[in-house]
Amino acid sequence: MPTETPYNDTLFIEKGSGERLGPLHGTVEADRVILEAIHEIASGDVLIHRRSDQSDTRLTVTEPGFQPEIGDVPAHYAARVTRAE
């Protein structure tokens, strides 16, 4: 049985300083984003979801939800988010 989550969405991280990191791969759900743990994310950071039609949705991180590597599952974030204004 595969242990990897298919990351089908493209995301960028926008830090409070204005720095933009990415692209990263992840999965966007209603109030949660699962993404690779390549860059650190923190509460208040904005995740930018680049949709297939090239439009962007801005999501504010309310809880980073870092998950360390366990067995074959790599370290990742299961971040709680709200839609940014």
Protein backbone atom coordinates (compact mmCIF):
# COMPACT_ATOMS: atom_id res chain seq x y z
CA MET A 1 0.00 0.00 0.00
CA PRO A 2 1.50 3.40 -0.95
CA THR A 3 2.36 5.70 1.94
CA GLU A 4 2.79 8.90 -0.06
CA THR A 5 0.09 11.53 -0.49
CA PRO A 6 -0.28 12.64 -4.11
CA TYR A 7 0.58 16.34 -4.15
CA ASN A 8 -1.42 17.76 -7.06
CA ASP A 9 -1.54 21.46 -6.14
CA THR A 10 1.08 24.18 -6.61
CA LEU A 11 1.66 26.51 -3.68
CA PHE A 12 3.86 29.45 -2.71
CA ILE A 13 4.61 30.71 0.81
CA GLU A 14 4.41 34.44 1.48
CA LYS A 15 6.18 35.41 4.71
CA GLY A 16 5.28 38.48 6.79
CA SER A 17 8.42 40.19 5.44
CA GLY A 18 7.02 39.90 1.90
CA GLU A 19 9.49 37.14 0.95
CA ARG A 20 7.91 34.61 -1.41
CA LEU A 21 9.10 30.99 -1.43
CA GLY A 22 8.27 28.18 -3.79
CA PRO A 23 6.81 26.68 -5.80
CA LEU A 24 5.96 23.78 -3.51
CA HIS A 25 3.68 20.85 -4.07
CA GLY A 26 0.78 20.03 -1.78
CA THR A 27 -2.88 19.19 -1.44
CA VAL A 28 -5.46 21.88 -0.71
CA GLU A 29 -8.59 20.87 1.19
CA ALA A 30 -11.38 23.03 2.67
CA ASP A 31 -9.57 24.25 5.80
CA ARG A 32 -6.31 22.32 5.59
CA VAL A 33 -3.29 22.25 3.31
CA ILE A 34 -0.84 19.35 3.27
CA LEU A 35 2.51 20.37 1.84
CA GLU A 36 6.14 19.40 1.62
CA ALA A 37 8.33 20.49 4.55
CA ILE A 38 10.94 22.17 2.38
CA HIS A 39 10.53 25.63 3.93
CA GLU A 40 9.38 26.44 7.46
CA ILE A 41 5.88 27.88 7.76
CA ALA A 42 4.42 29.73 10.74
CA SER A 43 1.06 31.05 11.91
CA GLY A 44 0.24 34.18 9.93
CA ASP A 45 2.11 33.12 6.79
CA VAL A 46 0.05 33.16 3.61
CA LEU A 47 -0.09 30.12 1.33
CA ILE A 48 -0.84 31.03 -2.25
CA HIS A 49 -2.63 28.26 -4.14
CA ARG A 50 -1.96 28.55 -7.88
CA ARG A 51 -5.02 27.04 -9.53
CA SER A 52 -5.03 25.25 -12.87
CA ASP A 53 -6.61 28.32 -14.51
CA GLN A 54 -3.59 30.34 -13.23
CA SER A 55 -5.70 32.29 -10.68
CA ASP A 56 -4.44 32.47 -7.09
CA THR A 57 -6.24 31.80 -3.81
CA ARG A 58 -4.66 33.23 -0.66
CA LEU A 59 -4.88 31.12 2.52
CA THR A 60 -3.67 32.32 5.94
CA VAL A 61 -1.98 29.71 8.14
CA THR A 62 -3.64 29.51 11.58
CA GLU A 63 -1.78 26.36 12.75
CA PRO A 64 1.30 25.05 10.88
CA GLY A 65 0.80 21.41 11.97
CA PHE A 66 4.35 20.18 11.36
CA GLN A 67 4.53 16.38 11.07
CA PRO A 68 8.02 14.82 11.44
CA GLU A 69 9.23 11.99 9.22
CA ILE A 70 7.85 8.64 10.35
CA GLY A 71 9.02 5.53 8.54
CA ASP A 72 8.40 5.97 4.81
CA VAL A 73 6.31 9.12 5.29
CA PRO A 74 8.48 12.23 4.79
CA ALA A 75 8.24 15.29 7.03
CA HIS A 76 5.37 17.55 5.97
CA TYR A 77 2.91 20.17 7.17
CA ALA A 78 -0.81 19.56 7.70
CA ALA A 79 -1.57 23.27 8.10
CA ARG A 80 -4.92 24.66 9.21
CA VAL A 81 -5.86 27.66 7.08
CA THR A 82 -8.51 30.29 6.54
CA ARG A 83 -9.19 32.19 3.36
CA ALA A 84 -7.17 35.43 3.37
CA GLU A 85 -8.95 38.74 2.80
